[in-house]
Amino acid sequence: GLLIGRPDREVTKILVALDVTEAVAEEAAEMGANLIV
């Protein structure tokens, strides 16, 4: 489920990955994503 985040925060960009690694988090930050699934 939702493990990190504010449930009512709006989502504009999503990055999908098998794992949430530091590299994936950096990739999400660079693309301006505010959610990793």
Full PDB file with SEQRES, HELIX, SHEET, SSBOND, CRYST1, ORIGX, SCALE, CONECT and MASTER records, all heavy atoms in Angstrom:
SEQRES   1 A   37  GLY LEU LEU ILE GLY ARG PRO ASP ARG GLU VAL THR LYS          
SEQRES   2 A   37  ILE LEU VAL ALA LEU ASP VAL THR GLU ALA VAL ALA GLU          
SEQRES   3 A   37  GLU ALA ALA GLU MET GLY ALA ASN LEU ILE VAL                  
HELIX    1 AA1 GLU A   22  MET A   31  1                                  10    
SHEET    1 AA1 2 ILE A  14  LEU A  15  0                                        
SHEET    2 AA1 2 LEU A  35  ILE A  36  1                                        
CRYST1    1.000    1.000    1.000  90.00  90.00  90.00 P 1           1          
ORIGX1      1.000000  0.000000  0.000000        0.00000                         
ORIGX2      0.000000  1.000000  0.000000        0.00000                         
ORIGX3      0.000000  0.000000  1.000000        0.00000                         
SCALE1      1.000000  0.000000  0.000000        0.00000                         
SCALE2      0.000000  1.000000  0.000000        0.00000                         
SCALE3      0.000000  0.000000  1.000000        0.00000                         
ATOM      1  N   GLY A   1       0.814  -1.210   0.000  1.00  0.00           N  
ATOM      2  CA  GLY A   1       0.000   0.000   0.000  1.00  0.00           C  
ATOM      3  C   GLY A   1       0.849   1.261   0.000  1.00  0.00           C  
ATOM      4  O   GLY A   1       2.013   1.264  -0.415  1.00  0.00           O  
ATOM      5  N   LEU A   2       0.266   2.359   0.463  1.00  0.00           N  
ATOM      6  CA  LEU A   2       0.965   3.636   0.573  1.00  0.00           C  
ATOM      7  C   LEU A   2       1.864   3.574   1.806  1.00  0.00           C  
ATOM      8  O   LEU A   2       1.378   3.631   2.933  1.00  0.00           O  
ATOM      9  CB  LEU A   2      -0.040   4.783   0.677  1.00  0.00           C  
ATOM     10  CG  LEU A   2       0.552   6.181   0.883  1.00  0.00           C  
ATOM     11  CD1 LEU A   2       1.468   6.579  -0.263  1.00  0.00           C  
ATOM     12  CD2 LEU A   2      -0.568   7.210   1.061  1.00  0.00           C  
ATOM     13  N   LEU A   3       3.161   3.460   1.595  1.00  0.00           N  
ATOM     14  CA  LEU A   3       4.107   3.278   2.701  1.00  0.00           C  
ATOM     15  C   LEU A   3       4.796   4.579   3.103  1.00  0.00           C  
ATOM     16  O   LEU A   3       5.232   4.719   4.237  1.00  0.00           O  
ATOM     17  CB  LEU A   3       5.159   2.225   2.328  1.00  0.00           C  
ATOM     18  CG  LEU A   3       4.618   0.846   1.939  1.00  0.00           C  
ATOM     19  CD1 LEU A   3       5.762  -0.133   1.729  1.00  0.00           C  
ATOM     20  CD2 LEU A   3       3.631   0.318   2.978  1.00  0.00           C  
ATOM     21  N   ILE A   4       4.920   5.502   2.177  1.00  0.00           N  
ATOM     22  CA  ILE A   4       5.484   6.816   2.467  1.00  0.00           C  
ATOM     23  C   ILE A   4       4.654   7.859   1.719  1.00  0.00           C  
ATOM     24  O   ILE A   4       4.404   7.706   0.525  1.00  0.00           O  
ATOM     25  CB  ILE A   4       6.951   6.920   2.021  1.00  0.00           C  
ATOM     26  CG1 ILE A   4       7.828   5.971   2.838  1.00  0.00           C  
ATOM     27  CG2 ILE A   4       7.473   8.352   2.162  1.00  0.00           C  
ATOM     28  CD1 ILE A   4       9.291   5.963   2.417  1.00  0.00           C  
ATOM     29  N   GLY A   5       4.220   8.880   2.419  1.00  0.00           N  
ATOM     30  CA  GLY A   5       3.498   9.962   1.741  1.00  0.00           C  
ATOM     31  C   GLY A   5       2.249  10.396   2.477  1.00  0.00           C  
ATOM     32  O   GLY A   5       1.762   9.712   3.378  1.00  0.00           O  
ATOM     33  N   ARG A   6       1.744  11.552   2.078  1.00  0.00           N  
ATOM     34  CA  ARG A   6       0.519  12.107   2.636  1.00  0.00           C  
ATOM     35  C   ARG A   6      -0.653  11.683   1.755  1.00  0.00           C  
ATOM     36  O   ARG A   6      -0.697  12.042   0.577  1.00  0.00           O  
ATOM     37  CB  ARG A   6       0.606  13.634   2.690  1.00  0.00           C  
ATOM     38  CG  ARG A   6       1.741  14.167   3.562  1.00  0.00           C  
ATOM     39  CD  ARG A   6       1.767  15.701   3.538  1.00  0.00           C  
ATOM     40  NE  ARG A   6       2.789  16.218   4.434  1.00  0.00           N  
ATOM     41  CZ  ARG A   6       4.049  16.460   4.075  1.00  0.00           C  
ATOM     42  NH1 ARG A   6       4.433  16.199   2.816  1.00  0.00           N  
ATOM     43  NH2 ARG A   6       4.916  16.956   4.936  1.00  0.00           N  
ATOM     44  N   PRO A   7      -1.609  10.923   2.275  1.00  0.00           N  
ATOM     45  CA  PRO A   7      -2.685  10.366   1.443  1.00  0.00           C  
ATOM     46  C   PRO A   7      -3.428  11.383   0.582  1.00  0.00           C  
ATOM     47  O   PRO A   7      -3.864  11.039  -0.528  1.00  0.00           O  
ATOM     48  CB  PRO A   7      -3.626   9.725   2.474  1.00  0.00           C  
ATOM     49  CG  PRO A   7      -2.730   9.371   3.605  1.00  0.00           C  
ATOM     50  CD  PRO A   7      -1.713  10.475   3.681  1.00  0.00           C  
ATOM     51  N   ASP A   8      -3.568  12.600   1.040  1.00  0.00           N  
ATOM     52  CA  ASP A   8      -4.345  13.588   0.281  1.00  0.00           C  
ATOM     53  C   ASP A   8      -3.494  14.463  -0.632  1.00  0.00           C  
ATOM     54  O   ASP A   8      -4.015  15.399  -1.247  1.00  0.00           O  
ATOM     55  CB  ASP A   8      -5.148  14.466   1.248  1.00  0.00           C  
ATOM     56  CG  ASP A   8      -6.236  13.667   1.961  1.00  0.00           C  
ATOM     57  OD1 ASP A   8      -6.853  12.799   1.310  1.00  0.00           O  
ATOM     58  OD2 ASP A   8      -6.464  13.893   3.164  1.00  0.00           O  
ATOM     59  N   ARG A   9      -2.199  14.177  -0.753  1.00  0.00           N  
ATOM     60  CA  ARG A   9      -1.327  14.931  -1.648  1.00  0.00           C  
ATOM     61  C   ARG A   9      -1.644  14.582  -3.101  1.00  0.00           C  
ATOM     62  O   ARG A   9      -1.766  13.415  -3.458  1.00  0.00           O  
ATOM     63  CB  ARG A   9       0.131  14.618  -1.333  1.00  0.00           C  
ATOM     64  CG  ARG A   9       1.165  15.290  -2.250  1.00  0.00           C  
ATOM     65  CD  ARG A   9       1.095  16.805  -2.201  1.00  0.00           C  
ATOM     66  NE  ARG A   9       1.298  17.338  -0.873  1.00  0.00           N  
ATOM     67  CZ  ARG A   9       2.490  17.635  -0.371  1.00  0.00           C  
ATOM     68  NH1 ARG A   9       3.588  17.407  -1.071  1.00  0.00           N  
ATOM     69  NH2 ARG A   9       2.576  18.153   0.835  1.00  0.00           N  
ATOM     70  N   GLU A  10      -1.774  15.609  -3.959  1.00  0.00           N  
ATOM     71  CA  GLU A  10      -2.064  15.378  -5.372  1.00  0.00           C  
ATOM     72  C   GLU A  10      -0.825  14.851  -6.089  1.00  0.00           C  
ATOM     73  O   GLU A  10       0.309  15.197  -5.751  1.00  0.00           O  
ATOM     74  CB  GLU A  10      -2.542  16.670  -6.037  1.00  0.00           C  
ATOM     75  CG  GLU A  10      -3.940  17.091  -5.613  1.00  0.00           C  
ATOM     76  CD  GLU A  10      -4.489  18.231  -6.444  1.00  0.00           C  
ATOM     77  OE1 GLU A  10      -3.702  18.884  -7.181  1.00  0.00           O  
ATOM     78  OE2 GLU A  10      -5.707  18.471  -6.382  1.00  0.00           O  
ATOM     79  N   VAL A  11      -1.059  14.022  -7.093  1.00  0.00           N  
ATOM     80  CA  VAL A  11       0.022  13.394  -7.845  1.00  0.00           C  
ATOM     81  C   VAL A  11       0.017  13.902  -9.279  1.00  0.00           C  
ATOM     82  O   VAL A  11      -1.023  13.914  -9.939  1.00  0.00           O  
ATOM     83  CB  VAL A  11      -0.135  11.856  -7.838  1.00  0.00           C  
ATOM     84  CG1 VAL A  11       0.926  11.198  -8.703  1.00  0.00           C  
ATOM     85  CG2 VAL A  11      -0.065  11.327  -6.411  1.00  0.00           C  
ATOM     86  N   THR A  12       1.179  14.320  -9.752  1.00  0.00           N  
ATOM     87  CA  THR A  12       1.294  14.846 -11.117  1.00  0.00           C  
ATOM     88  C   THR A  12       2.122  13.948 -12.028  1.00  0.00           C  
ATOM     89  O   THR A  12       1.878  13.868 -13.225  1.00  0.00           O  
ATOM     90  CB  THR A  12       1.924  16.248 -11.095  1.00  0.00           C  
ATOM     91  OG1 THR A  12       3.194  16.173 -10.413  1.00  0.00           O  
ATOM     92  CG2 THR A  12       1.021  17.243 -10.366  1.00  0.00           C  
ATOM     93  N   LYS A  13       3.134  13.273 -11.447  1.00  0.00           N  
ATOM     94  CA  LYS A  13       3.990  12.387 -12.236  1.00  0.00           C  
ATOM     95  C   LYS A  13       4.314  11.142 -11.413  1.00  0.00           C  
ATOM     96  O   LYS A  13       4.539  11.235 -10.206  1.00  0.00           O  
ATOM     97  CB  LYS A  13       5.301  13.082 -12.627  1.00  0.00           C  
ATOM     98  CG  LYS A  13       5.126  14.265 -13.576  1.00  0.00           C  
ATOM     99  CD  LYS A  13       6.488  14.860 -13.941  1.00  0.00           C  
ATOM    100  CE  LYS A  13       6.322  16.055 -14.867  1.00  0.00           C  
ATOM    101  NZ  LYS A  13       7.637  16.643 -15.243  1.00  0.00           N  
ATOM    102  N   ILE A  14       4.345   9.996 -12.093  1.00  0.00           N  
ATOM    103  CA  ILE A  14       4.610   8.724 -11.420  1.00  0.00           C  
ATOM    104  C   ILE A  14       5.750   7.997 -12.115  1.00  0.00           C  
ATOM    105  O   ILE A  14       5.797   7.917 -13.350  1.00  0.00           O  
ATOM    106  CB  ILE A  14       3.359   7.814 -11.438  1.00  0.00           C  
ATOM    107  CG1 ILE A  14       2.174   8.498 -10.756  1.00  0.00           C  
ATOM    108  CG2 ILE A  14       3.654   6.469 -10.773  1.00  0.00           C  
ATOM    109  CD1 ILE A  14       0.876   7.731 -10.890  1.00  0.00           C  
ATOM    110  N   LEU A  15       6.660   7.445 -11.322  1.00  0.00           N  
ATOM    111  CA  LEU A  15       7.701   6.567 -11.834  1.00  0.00           C  
ATOM    112  C   LEU A  15       7.403   5.152 -11.333  1.00  0.00           C  
ATOM    113  O   LEU A  15       7.145   4.954 -10.147  1.00  0.00           O  
ATOM    114  CB  LEU A  15       9.073   7.016 -11.329  1.00  0.00           C  
ATOM    115  CG  LEU A  15      10.278   6.233 -11.857  1.00  0.00           C  
ATOM    116  CD1 LEU A  15      10.439   6.427 -13.363  1.00  0.00           C  
ATOM    117  CD2 LEU A  15      11.562   6.656 -11.135  1.00  0.00           C  
ATOM    118  N   VAL A  16       7.431   4.188 -12.238  1.00  0.00           N  
ATOM    119  CA  VAL A  16       7.173   2.787 -11.895  1.00  0.00           C  
ATOM    120  C   VAL A  16       8.487   2.010 -11.944  1.00  0.00           C  
ATOM    121  O   VAL A  16       9.249   2.125 -12.912  1.00  0.00           O  
ATOM    122  CB  VAL A  16       6.157   2.159 -12.872  1.00  0.00           C  
ATOM    123  CG1 VAL A  16       5.989   0.664 -12.604  1.00  0.00           C  
ATOM    124  CG2 VAL A  16       4.804   2.864 -12.759  1.00  0.00           C  
ATOM    125  N   ALA A  17       8.759   1.247 -10.892  1.00  0.00           N  
ATOM    126  CA  ALA A  17       9.994   0.458 -10.831  1.00  0.00           C  
ATOM    127  C   ALA A  17       9.757  -0.797 -10.007  1.00  0.00           C  
ATOM    128  O   ALA A  17       8.854  -0.841  -9.176  1.00  0.00           O  
ATOM    129  CB  ALA A  17      11.130   1.277 -10.219  1.00  0.00           C  
ATOM    130  N   LEU A  18      10.602  -1.798 -10.208  1.00  0.00           N  
ATOM    131  CA  LEU A  18      10.461  -3.020  -9.426  1.00  0.00           C  
ATOM    132  C   LEU A  18      10.826  -2.763  -7.963  1.00  0.00           C  
ATOM    133  O   LEU A  18      10.180  -3.270  -7.059  1.00  0.00           O  
ATOM    134  CB  LEU A  18      11.357  -4.124  -9.990  1.00  0.00           C  
ATOM    135  CG  LEU A  18      11.111  -5.513  -9.397  1.00  0.00           C  
ATOM    136  CD1 LEU A  18       9.751  -6.064  -9.812  1.00  0.00           C  
ATOM    137  CD2 LEU A  18      12.216  -6.481  -9.793  1.00  0.00           C  
ATOM    138  N   ASP A  19      11.859  -1.932  -7.752  1.00  0.00           N  
ATOM    139  CA  ASP A  19      12.337  -1.630  -6.404  1.00  0.00           C  
ATOM    140  C   ASP A  19      12.460  -0.123  -6.226  1.00  0.00           C  
ATOM    141  O   ASP A  19      12.706   0.610  -7.190  1.00  0.00           O  
ATOM    142  CB  ASP A  19      13.728  -2.238  -6.170  1.00  0.00           C  
ATOM    143  CG  ASP A  19      13.759  -3.739  -6.357  1.00  0.00           C  
ATOM    144  OD1 ASP A  19      13.348  -4.445  -5.436  1.00  0.00           O  
ATOM    145  OD2 ASP A  19      14.183  -4.191  -7.441  1.00  0.00           O  
ATOM    146  N   VAL A  20      12.363   0.319  -4.989  1.00  0.00           N  
ATOM    147  CA  VAL A  20      12.641   1.719  -4.661  1.00  0.00           C  
ATOM    148  C   VAL A  20      14.078   1.768  -4.143  1.00  0.00           C  
ATOM    149  O   VAL A  20      14.338   1.518  -2.970  1.00  0.00           O  
ATOM    150  CB  VAL A  20      11.671   2.273  -3.599  1.00  0.00           C  
ATOM    151  CG1 VAL A  20      11.929   3.762  -3.378  1.00  0.00           C  
ATOM    152  CG2 VAL A  20      10.219   2.051  -4.027  1.00  0.00           C  
ATOM    153  N   THR A  21      15.004   2.065  -5.028  1.00  0.00           N  
ATOM    154  CA  THR A  21      16.412   2.194  -4.671  1.00  0.00           C  
ATOM    155  C   THR A  21      16.774   3.677  -4.648  1.00  0.00           C  
ATOM    156  O   THR A  21      15.993   4.529  -5.080  1.00  0.00           O  
ATOM    157  CB  THR A  21      17.304   1.477  -5.691  1.00  0.00           C  
ATOM    158  OG1 THR A  21      17.166   2.147  -6.960  1.00  0.00           O  
ATOM    159  CG2 THR A  21      16.907   0.008  -5.842  1.00  0.00           C  
ATOM    160  N   GLU A  22      18.000   3.979  -4.183  1.00  0.00           N  
ATOM    161  CA  GLU A  22      18.448   5.370  -4.204  1.00  0.00           C  
ATOM    162  C   GLU A  22      18.501   5.904  -5.634  1.00  0.00           C  
ATOM    163  O   GLU A  22      18.143   7.054  -5.890  1.00  0.00           O  
ATOM    164  CB  GLU A  22      19.813   5.507  -3.536  1.00  0.00           C  
ATOM    165  CG  GLU A  22      19.770   5.417  -2.024  1.00  0.00           C  
ATOM    166  CD  GLU A  22      21.086   5.823  -1.389  1.00  0.00           C  
ATOM    167  OE1 GLU A  22      21.477   7.001  -1.531  1.00  0.00           O  
ATOM    168  OE2 GLU A  22      21.718   4.964  -0.764  1.00  0.00           O  
ATOM    169  N   ALA A  23      18.949   5.061  -6.563  1.00  0.00           N  
ATOM    170  CA  ALA A  23      19.012   5.488  -7.961  1.00  0.00           C  
ATOM    171  C   ALA A  23      17.621   5.773  -8.520  1.00  0.00           C  
ATOM    172  O   ALA A  23      17.424   6.740  -9.265  1.00  0.00           O  
ATOM    173  CB  ALA A  23      19.716   4.424  -8.799  1.00  0.00           C  
ATOM    174  N   VAL A  24      16.656   4.947  -8.163  1.00  0.00           N  
ATOM    175  CA  VAL A  24      15.281   5.161  -8.616  1.00  0.00           C  
ATOM    176  C   VAL A  24      14.717   6.433  -7.992  1.00  0.00           C  
ATOM    177  O   VAL A  24      14.036   7.221  -8.657  1.00  0.00           O  
ATOM    178  CB  VAL A  24      14.405   3.937  -8.289  1.00  0.00           C  
ATOM    179  CG1 VAL A  24      12.931   4.242  -8.498  1.00  0.00           C  
ATOM    180  CG2 VAL A  24      14.825   2.747  -9.152  1.00  0.00           C  
ATOM    181  N   ALA A  25      15.004   6.662  -6.707  1.00  0.00           N  
ATOM    182  CA  ALA A  25      14.549   7.883  -6.050  1.00  0.00           C  
ATOM    183  C   ALA A  25      15.144   9.121  -6.720  1.00  0.00           C  
ATOM    184  O   ALA A  25      14.463  10.136  -6.917  1.00  0.00           O  
ATOM    185  CB  ALA A  25      14.911   7.851  -4.570  1.00  0.00           C  
ATOM    186  N   GLU A  26      16.434   9.039  -7.086  1.00  0.00           N  
ATOM    187  CA  GLU A  26      17.080  10.156  -7.778  1.00  0.00           C  
ATOM    188  C   GLU A  26      16.452  10.388  -9.146  1.00  0.00           C  
ATOM    189  O   GLU A  26      16.227  11.524  -9.567  1.00  0.00           O  
ATOM    190  CB  GLU A  26      18.576   9.869  -7.925  1.00  0.00           C  
ATOM    191  CG  GLU A  26      19.378  10.993  -8.519  1.00  0.00           C  
ATOM    192  CD  GLU A  26      19.391  12.244  -7.659  1.00  0.00           C  
ATOM    193  OE1 GLU A  26      19.394  12.123  -6.422  1.00  0.00           O  
ATOM    194  OE2 GLU A  26      19.361  13.349  -8.237  1.00  0.00           O  
ATOM    195  N   GLU A  27      16.157   9.301  -9.843  1.00  0.00           N  
ATOM    196  CA  GLU A  27      15.501   9.393 -11.151  1.00  0.00           C  
ATOM    197  C   GLU A  27      14.129  10.062 -11.019  1.00  0.00           C  
ATOM    198  O   GLU A  27      13.765  10.915 -11.829  1.00  0.00           O  
ATOM    199  CB  GLU A  27      15.352   7.996 -11.749  1.00  0.00           C  
ATOM    200  CG  GLU A  27      14.735   7.936 -13.126  1.00  0.00           C  
ATOM    201  CD  GLU A  27      14.549   6.525 -13.641  1.00  0.00           C  
ATOM    202  OE1 GLU A  27      14.620   5.570 -12.820  1.00  0.00           O  
ATOM    203  OE2 GLU A  27      14.334   6.354 -14.850  1.00  0.00           O  
ATOM    204  N   ALA A  28      13.381   9.673  -9.989  1.00  0.00           N  
ATOM    205  CA  ALA A  28      12.072  10.278  -9.753  1.00  0.00           C  
ATOM    206  C   ALA A  28      12.212  11.774  -9.482  1.00  0.00           C  
ATOM    207  O   ALA A  28      11.445  12.597 -10.007  1.00  0.00           O  
ATOM    208  CB  ALA A  28      11.385   9.591  -8.585  1.00  0.00           C  
ATOM    209  N   ALA A  29      13.211  12.134  -8.672  1.00  0.00           N  
ATOM    210  CA  ALA A  29      13.423  13.551  -8.353  1.00  0.00           C  
ATOM    211  C   ALA A  29      13.772  14.335  -9.609  1.00  0.00           C  
ATOM    212  O   ALA A  29      13.265  15.456  -9.822  1.00  0.00           O  
ATOM    213  CB  ALA A  29      14.527  13.688  -7.309  1.00  0.00           C  
ATOM    214  N   GLU A  30      14.605  13.779 -10.467  1.00  0.00           N  
ATOM    215  CA  GLU A  30      15.021  14.476 -11.685  1.00  0.00           C  
ATOM    216  C   GLU A  30      13.871  14.684 -12.668  1.00  0.00           C  
ATOM    217  O   GLU A  30      13.831  15.690 -13.377  1.00  0.00           O  
ATOM    218  CB  GLU A  30      16.160  13.708 -12.356  1.00  0.00           C  
ATOM    219  CG  GLU A  30      17.476  13.787 -11.592  1.00  0.00           C  
ATOM    220  CD  GLU A  30      18.575  12.946 -12.199  1.00  0.00           C  
ATOM    221  OE1 GLU A  30      18.298  12.267 -13.228  1.00  0.00           O  
ATOM    222  OE2 GLU A  30      19.695  12.951 -11.662  1.00  0.00           O  
ATOM    223  N   MET A  31      12.926  13.738 -12.709  1.00  0.00           N  
ATOM    224  CA  MET A  31      11.781  13.902 -13.625  1.00  0.00           C  
ATOM    225  C   MET A  31      10.631  14.664 -12.978  1.00  0.00           C  
ATOM    226  O   MET A  31       9.624  14.940 -13.628  1.00  0.00           O  
ATOM    227  CB  MET A  31      11.292  12.541 -14.138  1.00  0.00           C  
ATOM    228  CG  MET A  31      10.536  11.694 -13.145  1.00  0.00           C  
ATOM    229  SD  MET A  31       9.805  10.184 -13.886  1.00  0.00           S  
ATOM    230  CE  MET A  31       8.211  10.797 -14.453  1.00  0.00           C  
ATOM    231  N   GLY A  32      10.795  15.009 -11.707  1.00  0.00           N  
ATOM    232  CA  GLY A  32       9.746  15.751 -11.015  1.00  0.00           C  
ATOM    233  C   GLY A  32       8.577  14.888 -10.582  1.00  0.00           C  
ATOM    234  O   GLY A  32       7.482  15.397 -10.329  1.00  0.00           O  
ATOM    235  N   ALA A  33       8.817  13.578 -10.465  1.00  0.00           N  
ATOM    236  CA  ALA A  33       7.750  12.674 -10.020  1.00  0.00           C  
ATOM    237  C   ALA A  33       7.566  12.812  -8.516  1.00  0.00           C  
ATOM    238  O   ALA A  33       8.539  12.947  -7.771  1.00  0.00           O  
ATOM    239  CB  ALA A  33       8.093  11.235 -10.369  1.00  0.00           C  
ATOM    240  N   ASN A  34       6.318  12.784  -8.076  1.00  0.00           N  
ATOM    241  CA  ASN A  34       6.079  12.809  -6.634  1.00  0.00           C  
ATOM    242  C   ASN A  34       5.492  11.499  -6.121  1.00  0.00           C  
ATOM    243  O   ASN A  34       4.978  11.434  -5.014  1.00  0.00           O  
ATOM    244  CB  ASN A  34       5.210  14.002  -6.218  1.00  0.00           C  
ATOM    245  CG  ASN A  34       3.933  14.124  -7.032  1.00  0.00           C  
ATOM    246  OD1 ASN A  34       3.688  13.340  -7.945  1.00  0.00           O  
ATOM    247  ND2 ASN A  34       3.123  15.105  -6.700  1.00  0.00           N  
ATOM    248  N   LEU A  35       5.628  10.439  -6.944  1.00  0.00           N  
ATOM    249  CA  LEU A  35       5.212   9.106  -6.514  1.00  0.00           C  
ATOM    250  C   LEU A  35       6.007   8.047  -7.259  1.00  0.00           C  
ATOM    251  O   LEU A  35       6.183   8.137  -8.475  1.00  0.00           O  
ATOM    252  CB  LEU A  35       3.718   8.893  -6.782  1.00  0.00           C  
ATOM    253  CG  LEU A  35       3.184   7.464  -6.592  1.00  0.00           C  
ATOM    254  CD1 LEU A  35       3.361   6.984  -5.156  1.00  0.00           C  
ATOM    255  CD2 LEU A  35       1.720   7.368  -7.018  1.00  0.00           C  
ATOM    256  N   ILE A  36       6.478   7.053  -6.515  1.00  0.00           N  
ATOM    257  CA  ILE A  36       7.038   5.847  -7.095  1.00  0.00           C  
ATOM    258  C   ILE A  36       6.082   4.707  -6.778  1.00  0.00           C  
ATOM    259  O   ILE A  36       5.711   4.500  -5.616  1.00  0.00           O  
ATOM    260  CB  ILE A  36       8.431   5.515  -6.521  1.00  0.00           C  
ATOM    261  CG1 ILE A  36       9.429   6.622  -6.861  1.00  0.00           C  
ATOM    262  CG2 ILE A  36       8.932   4.171  -7.059  1.00  0.00           C  
ATOM    263  CD1 ILE A  36      10.761   6.492  -6.133  1.00  0.00           C  
ATOM    264  N   VAL A  37       5.662   3.981  -7.807  1.00  0.00           N  
ATOM    265  CA  VAL A  37       4.869   2.766  -7.619  1.00  0.00           C  
ATOM    266  C   VAL A  37       5.796   1.594  -7.888  1.00  0.00           C  
ATOM    267  O   VAL A  37       6.389   1.492  -8.966  1.00  0.00           O  
ATOM    268  CB  VAL A  37       3.649   2.732  -8.565  1.00  0.00           C  
ATOM    269  CG1 VAL A  37       2.929   1.384  -8.438  1.00  0.00           C  
ATOM    270  CG2 VAL A  37       2.686   3.864  -8.233  1.00  0.00           C  
TER     271      VAL A  37                                                      
MASTER        0    0    0    1    2    0    0    6  270    1    0    3          
END                                                                             
